[in-house]
Amino acid sequence: MHEFTIESPNPIFSLRPAPNQQQQRNFIQPHSQQRTKNMNSDSSLIVHHLENSRSQRIVWLLEELNVPFTVKVYKRTDQQLAPPELKAIHPLGKSPVITDGDLVVAESGTIIEYLLETYGNGRFQPPSTKEARLRNSYYTQYAEGSLMPLIVDNLLFNLISTKVPWPLRLIVRPIMEAINNNFIVPNIVTAADMIEKDIAKSNSGWIAGGPEPTSGDFMMFFALERLPSAIGADKVGSRTKAWLRLIQERPAYKRALRRVGRDADVKH
């Protein structure tokens, strides 16, 4: 297996062994040639989707791009973990991960960057101003680098306090709740206030201020959708709620929900 690494020891891109050299030559063609080959194929693009996971944002983007693709759904284990079958796709066994022919791409930001570059045809790009591009770049990185760890910590501390056996719960639960309420939740509230002010700067409602969503919006959606349950709906600003509605009302987003089995969440 040939592996390519971007600022991480984890394999982000990998090539599966090809039956012949011609397939490898096809893979390394310029993106314009790759796009023609992939668009004419029968859904060589597969999203390996773990239920209730970040890969929902990838399915939404692909629906916006109107690219033929297949969703392969993986059920969580009883412990709410990814099943071992995902390790056959990527060594870490995590989601999201996509396969596009012989190419394996992991990590949300890398996948979104790859899909926009390969299939975007110039769509979903921020305005050309330096401020818009920096804001889009910032939130593309901030979503997983800073915000999602807080959201996950909040979820885990709430979960631990309810899953501990009863005799220990009397001791563990107050400790978990104190850490969550005094450290994690205040940091999420601070983040929510910052996000609210930045979205308020946008005339269009999208993060970068352009006429359509960009990578910052695709990346931030999963975390901000969980913001009300983390800090309470009353602490989520009106501009942030309007941003969420912008997404939820898009036909491509509704199609994405159906593709991942969240039909009940589709707003008619």
Protein backbone atom coordinates (compact mmCIF):
# COMPACT_ATOMS: atom_id res chain seq x y z
CA MET A 1 0.00 0.00 0.00
CA HIS A 2 1.30 3.45 -0.92
CA GLU A 3 0.45 6.07 1.68
CA PHE A 4 0.53 9.87 1.61
CA THR A 5 0.51 11.82 4.90
CA ILE A 6 -0.51 15.44 5.51
CA GLU A 7 0.79 16.98 8.78
CA SER A 8 -0.05 13.79 10.64
CA PRO A 9 1.46 10.35 11.16
CA ASN A 10 -1.95 8.87 10.34
CA PRO A 11 -2.52 7.74 6.75
CA ILE A 12 -4.91 10.23 5.17
CA PHE A 13 -4.64 9.24 1.54
CA SER A 14 -3.82 5.71 0.48
CA LEU A 15 -3.75 3.75 -2.73
CA ARG A 16 -4.95 0.19 -2.78
CA PRO A 17 -2.72 -2.16 -4.82
CA ALA A 18 -3.72 -1.83 -8.48
CA PRO A 19 -3.95 -4.86 -10.79
CA ASN A 20 -1.82 -3.14 -13.41
CA GLN A 21 0.21 -0.03 -14.06
CA GLN A 22 -2.44 1.49 -16.32
CA GLN A 23 -4.77 1.90 -13.34
CA GLN A 24 -2.04 3.74 -11.46
CA ARG A 25 -1.44 6.03 -14.42
CA ASN A 26 -5.17 6.82 -14.52
CA PHE A 27 -5.13 7.68 -10.81
CA ILE A 28 -2.35 10.23 -11.06
CA GLN A 29 -3.89 12.11 -13.97
CA PRO A 30 -4.69 15.81 -13.43
CA HIS A 31 -7.91 16.49 -11.54
CA SER A 32 -9.77 17.61 -14.68
CA GLN A 33 -9.18 14.16 -16.20
CA GLN A 34 -9.99 12.43 -12.91
CA ARG A 35 -13.31 14.29 -12.77
CA THR A 36 -14.34 13.09 -16.22
CA LYS A 37 -13.44 9.51 -15.41
CA ASN A 38 -15.26 9.46 -12.06
CA MET A 39 -18.38 11.28 -13.22
CA ASN A 40 -18.83 8.76 -16.03
CA SER A 41 -18.44 5.75 -13.73
CA ASP A 42 -21.20 3.96 -11.86
CA SER A 43 -20.90 5.39 -8.34
CA SER A 44 -17.24 4.57 -7.77
CA LEU A 45 -17.47 7.14 -4.98
CA ILE A 46 -18.54 5.55 -1.67
CA VAL A 47 -19.19 7.25 1.67
CA HIS A 48 -18.55 4.82 4.51
CA HIS A 49 -21.06 6.26 6.96
CA LEU A 50 -21.15 5.38 10.65
CA GLU A 51 -24.65 6.07 11.97
CA ASN A 52 -24.98 9.33 13.93
CA SER A 53 -21.53 10.50 12.96
CA ARG A 54 -19.66 13.37 11.35
CA SER A 55 -19.95 11.76 7.92
CA GLN A 56 -23.40 13.36 7.63
CA ARG A 57 -21.62 16.55 6.57
CA ILE A 58 -19.91 14.65 3.74
CA VAL A 59 -23.22 13.28 2.45
CA TRP A 60 -24.71 16.79 2.55
CA LEU A 61 -21.80 18.19 0.48
CA LEU A 62 -22.09 15.42 -2.10
CA GLU A 63 -25.81 16.06 -2.45
CA GLU A 64 -25.03 19.74 -3.03
CA LEU A 65 -22.44 18.79 -5.66
CA ASN A 66 -24.93 16.45 -7.35
CA VAL A 67 -22.25 13.80 -7.69
CA PRO A 68 -23.27 10.13 -8.08
CA PHE A 69 -22.25 8.30 -4.92
CA THR A 70 -23.16 5.39 -2.70
CA VAL A 71 -23.67 5.44 1.07
CA LYS A 72 -22.57 2.33 2.94
CA VAL A 73 -24.01 2.47 6.45
CA TYR A 74 -22.20 0.93 9.43
CA LYS A 75 -24.12 0.29 12.65
CA ARG A 76 -22.56 1.19 15.98
CA THR A 77 -21.79 -1.55 18.50
CA ASP A 78 -23.65 -1.89 21.79
CA GLN A 79 -20.89 0.28 23.28
CA GLN A 80 -21.70 2.98 20.65
CA LEU A 81 -18.35 2.44 18.93
CA ALA A 82 -17.53 1.95 15.27
CA PRO A 83 -17.69 -1.70 14.15
CA PRO A 84 -14.44 -3.51 13.27
CA GLU A 85 -15.49 -3.69 9.59
CA LEU A 86 -14.43 -0.06 9.14
CA LYS A 87 -10.80 -1.07 9.73
CA ALA A 88 -10.94 -2.90 6.42
CA ILE A 89 -11.40 0.52 4.80
CA HIS A 90 -8.95 2.58 6.84
CA PRO A 91 -6.42 1.48 9.51
CA LEU A 92 -7.99 3.66 12.22
CA GLY A 93 -11.47 2.23 11.66
CA LYS A 94 -13.09 5.64 12.03
CA SER A 95 -15.70 7.61 10.12
CA PRO A 96 -15.92 9.66 7.96
CA VAL A 97 -13.93 7.97 5.25
CA ILE A 98 -14.62 7.80 1.54
CA THR A 99 -13.33 5.63 -1.28
CA ASP A 100 -13.16 7.01 -4.79
CA GLY A 101 -12.00 4.19 -7.02
CA ASP A 102 -8.63 3.12 -5.59
CA LEU A 103 -8.29 6.27 -3.48
CA VAL A 104 -9.07 6.24 0.25
CA VAL A 105 -9.60 9.62 1.94
CA ALA A 106 -10.13 10.08 5.68
CA GLU A 107 -10.73 13.05 8.02
CA SER A 108 -13.63 15.45 7.40
CA GLY A 109 -11.54 18.46 6.42
CA THR A 110 -9.40 16.50 3.99
CA ILE A 111 -12.44 14.83 2.45
CA ILE A 112 -14.23 18.16 1.95
CA GLU A 113 -11.09 19.71 0.45
CA TYR A 114 -10.71 16.74 -1.91
CA LEU A 115 -14.37 16.74 -3.00
CA LEU A 116 -14.47 20.49 -3.66
CA GLU A 117 -11.21 20.35 -5.61
CA THR A 118 -12.18 17.27 -7.61
CA TYR A 119 -15.92 17.75 -8.18
CA GLY A 120 -16.68 21.34 -7.19
CA ASN A 121 -16.13 23.05 -10.55
CA GLY A 122 -15.52 26.31 -8.67
CA ARG A 123 -18.65 26.08 -6.52
CA PHE A 124 -18.85 26.57 -2.74
CA GLN A 125 -15.80 28.84 -2.60
CA PRO A 126 -15.57 31.90 -0.34
CA PRO A 127 -15.58 35.42 -1.78
CA SER A 128 -12.19 36.65 -2.97
CA THR A 129 -11.63 39.11 -0.13
CA LYS A 130 -8.89 38.30 2.35
CA GLU A 131 -11.31 38.58 5.29
CA ALA A 132 -13.80 36.13 3.78
CA ARG A 133 -11.14 33.58 2.89
CA LEU A 134 -9.53 33.80 6.33
CA ARG A 135 -12.88 33.40 8.10
CA ASN A 136 -13.72 30.39 5.96
CA SER A 137 -10.29 28.84 6.56
CA TYR A 138 -10.52 29.51 10.29
CA TYR A 139 -13.87 27.79 10.74
CA THR A 140 -12.88 24.92 8.47
CA GLN A 141 -10.06 24.18 10.94
CA TYR A 142 -11.83 25.32 14.11
CA ALA A 143 -14.73 22.88 13.76
CA GLU A 144 -12.70 19.77 14.49
CA GLY A 145 -9.62 21.35 16.04
CA SER A 146 -11.36 23.19 18.89
CA LEU A 147 -15.16 23.00 18.94
CA MET A 148 -15.88 19.30 18.43
CA PRO A 149 -13.54 18.20 21.26
CA LEU A 150 -15.60 20.36 23.64
CA ILE A 151 -18.88 18.95 22.29
CA VAL A 152 -17.57 15.40 22.64
CA ASP A 153 -16.28 16.06 26.18
CA ASN A 154 -19.68 17.42 27.15
CA LEU A 155 -21.36 14.31 25.75
CA LEU A 156 -18.94 11.92 27.45
CA PHE A 157 -19.15 13.56 30.87
CA ASN A 158 -22.95 13.44 30.73
CA LEU A 159 -22.84 9.83 29.57
CA ILE A 160 -20.35 8.69 32.20
CA SER A 161 -22.41 10.16 35.02
CA THR A 162 -25.41 8.05 33.97
CA LYS A 163 -23.60 4.82 33.07
CA VAL A 164 -21.55 4.32 36.21
CA PRO A 165 -22.93 1.51 38.46
CA TRP A 166 -25.26 2.77 41.15
CA PRO A 167 -23.00 2.52 44.23
CA LEU A 168 -20.28 4.55 42.50
CA ARG A 169 -22.72 6.95 40.86
CA LEU A 170 -23.24 8.80 44.14
CA ILE A 171 -19.55 9.78 44.07
CA VAL A 172 -18.79 9.97 40.35
CA ARG A 173 -21.86 11.86 39.13
CA PRO A 174 -21.32 15.06 41.19
CA ILE A 175 -17.67 15.13 40.09
CA MET A 176 -18.54 14.70 36.40
CA GLU A 177 -21.28 17.32 36.60
CA ALA A 178 -18.99 19.80 38.37
CA ILE A 179 -16.27 19.44 35.73
CA ASN A 180 -18.80 19.70 32.92
CA ASN A 181 -20.68 22.69 34.31
CA ASN A 182 -17.63 24.64 35.52
CA PHE A 183 -15.15 24.00 32.73
CA ILE A 184 -16.59 22.41 29.58
CA VAL A 185 -19.97 24.17 29.24
CA PRO A 186 -18.55 27.69 29.88
CA ASN A 187 -16.00 27.12 27.11
CA ILE A 188 -18.75 26.03 24.72
CA VAL A 189 -20.79 29.12 25.64
CA THR A 190 -17.77 31.33 24.90
CA ALA A 191 -17.36 29.60 21.55
CA ALA A 192 -21.07 30.02 20.77
CA ASP A 193 -20.84 33.77 21.47
CA MET A 194 -17.86 34.13 19.14
CA ILE A 195 -19.59 32.17 16.38
CA GLU A 196 -22.76 34.24 16.77
CA LYS A 197 -20.82 37.50 16.33
CA ASP A 198 -18.97 36.21 13.28
CA ILE A 199 -22.14 34.96 11.57
CA ALA A 200 -23.72 38.38 12.29
CA LYS A 201 -21.02 39.96 10.10
CA SER A 202 -22.33 38.01 7.09
CA ASN A 203 -24.95 39.62 4.85
CA SER A 204 -25.92 36.24 3.38
CA GLY A 205 -26.01 34.26 6.62
CA TRP A 206 -23.22 31.92 5.48
CA ILE A 207 -19.95 31.92 7.40
CA ALA A 208 -17.81 33.41 4.62
CA GLY A 209 -20.50 35.87 3.57
CA GLY A 210 -20.94 34.50 0.05
CA PRO A 211 -24.13 33.40 -1.73
CA GLU A 212 -23.72 29.70 -0.89
CA PRO A 213 -22.11 27.54 1.81
CA THR A 214 -18.37 26.96 1.85
CA SER A 215 -16.08 24.46 3.56
CA GLY A 216 -16.47 26.38 6.84
CA ASP A 217 -20.23 25.81 6.77
CA PHE A 218 -19.95 22.15 5.82
CA MET A 219 -17.46 21.56 8.63
CA MET A 220 -19.29 23.56 11.34
CA PHE A 221 -22.74 22.11 10.69
CA PHE A 222 -22.33 18.90 12.70
CA ALA A 223 -21.04 20.68 15.81
CA LEU A 224 -23.52 23.57 15.74
CA GLU A 225 -26.43 21.20 15.23
CA ARG A 226 -25.52 19.77 18.65
CA LEU A 227 -25.03 23.12 20.34
CA PRO A 228 -28.57 23.36 21.85
CA SER A 229 -28.26 20.00 23.58
CA ALA A 230 -24.82 20.93 24.94
CA ILE A 231 -25.56 24.38 26.39
CA GLY A 232 -29.32 24.83 26.05
CA ALA A 233 -31.25 26.38 23.18
CA ASP A 234 -31.58 29.68 25.07
CA LYS A 235 -27.81 30.19 24.90
CA VAL A 236 -27.67 29.72 21.12
CA GLY A 237 -27.84 33.08 19.35
CA SER A 238 -30.52 34.06 16.83
CA ARG A 239 -28.02 34.36 13.96
CA THR A 240 -26.69 30.88 14.66
CA LYS A 241 -30.23 29.48 14.72
CA ALA A 242 -30.95 31.24 11.42
CA TRP A 243 -27.76 29.68 9.98
CA LEU A 244 -28.99 26.24 11.02
CA ARG A 245 -32.35 26.90 9.37
CA LEU A 246 -30.58 27.94 6.16
CA ILE A 247 -29.04 24.47 6.04
CA GLN A 248 -32.12 22.54 7.17
CA GLU A 249 -34.25 24.14 4.46
CA ARG A 250 -31.91 23.22 1.61
CA PRO A 251 -33.18 20.36 -0.60
CA ALA A 252 -29.71 18.81 -0.69
CA TYR A 253 -29.59 18.67 3.11
CA LYS A 254 -33.02 16.98 3.23
CA ARG A 255 -31.85 14.43 0.67
CA ALA A 256 -28.73 13.82 2.76
CA LEU A 257 -30.83 13.08 5.85
CA ARG A 258 -32.80 10.50 3.90
CA ARG A 259 -29.60 8.91 2.59
CA VAL A 260 -28.26 8.39 6.12
CA GLY A 261 -31.57 7.16 7.54
CA ARG A 262 -32.67 10.32 9.37
CA ASP A 263 -35.98 10.63 7.53
CA ALA A 264 -37.80 11.66 10.69
CA ASP A 265 -35.57 14.74 10.94
CA VAL A 266 -36.50 16.03 7.48
CA LYS A 267 -38.44 19.27 7.82
CA HIS A 268 -41.29 19.50 5.32
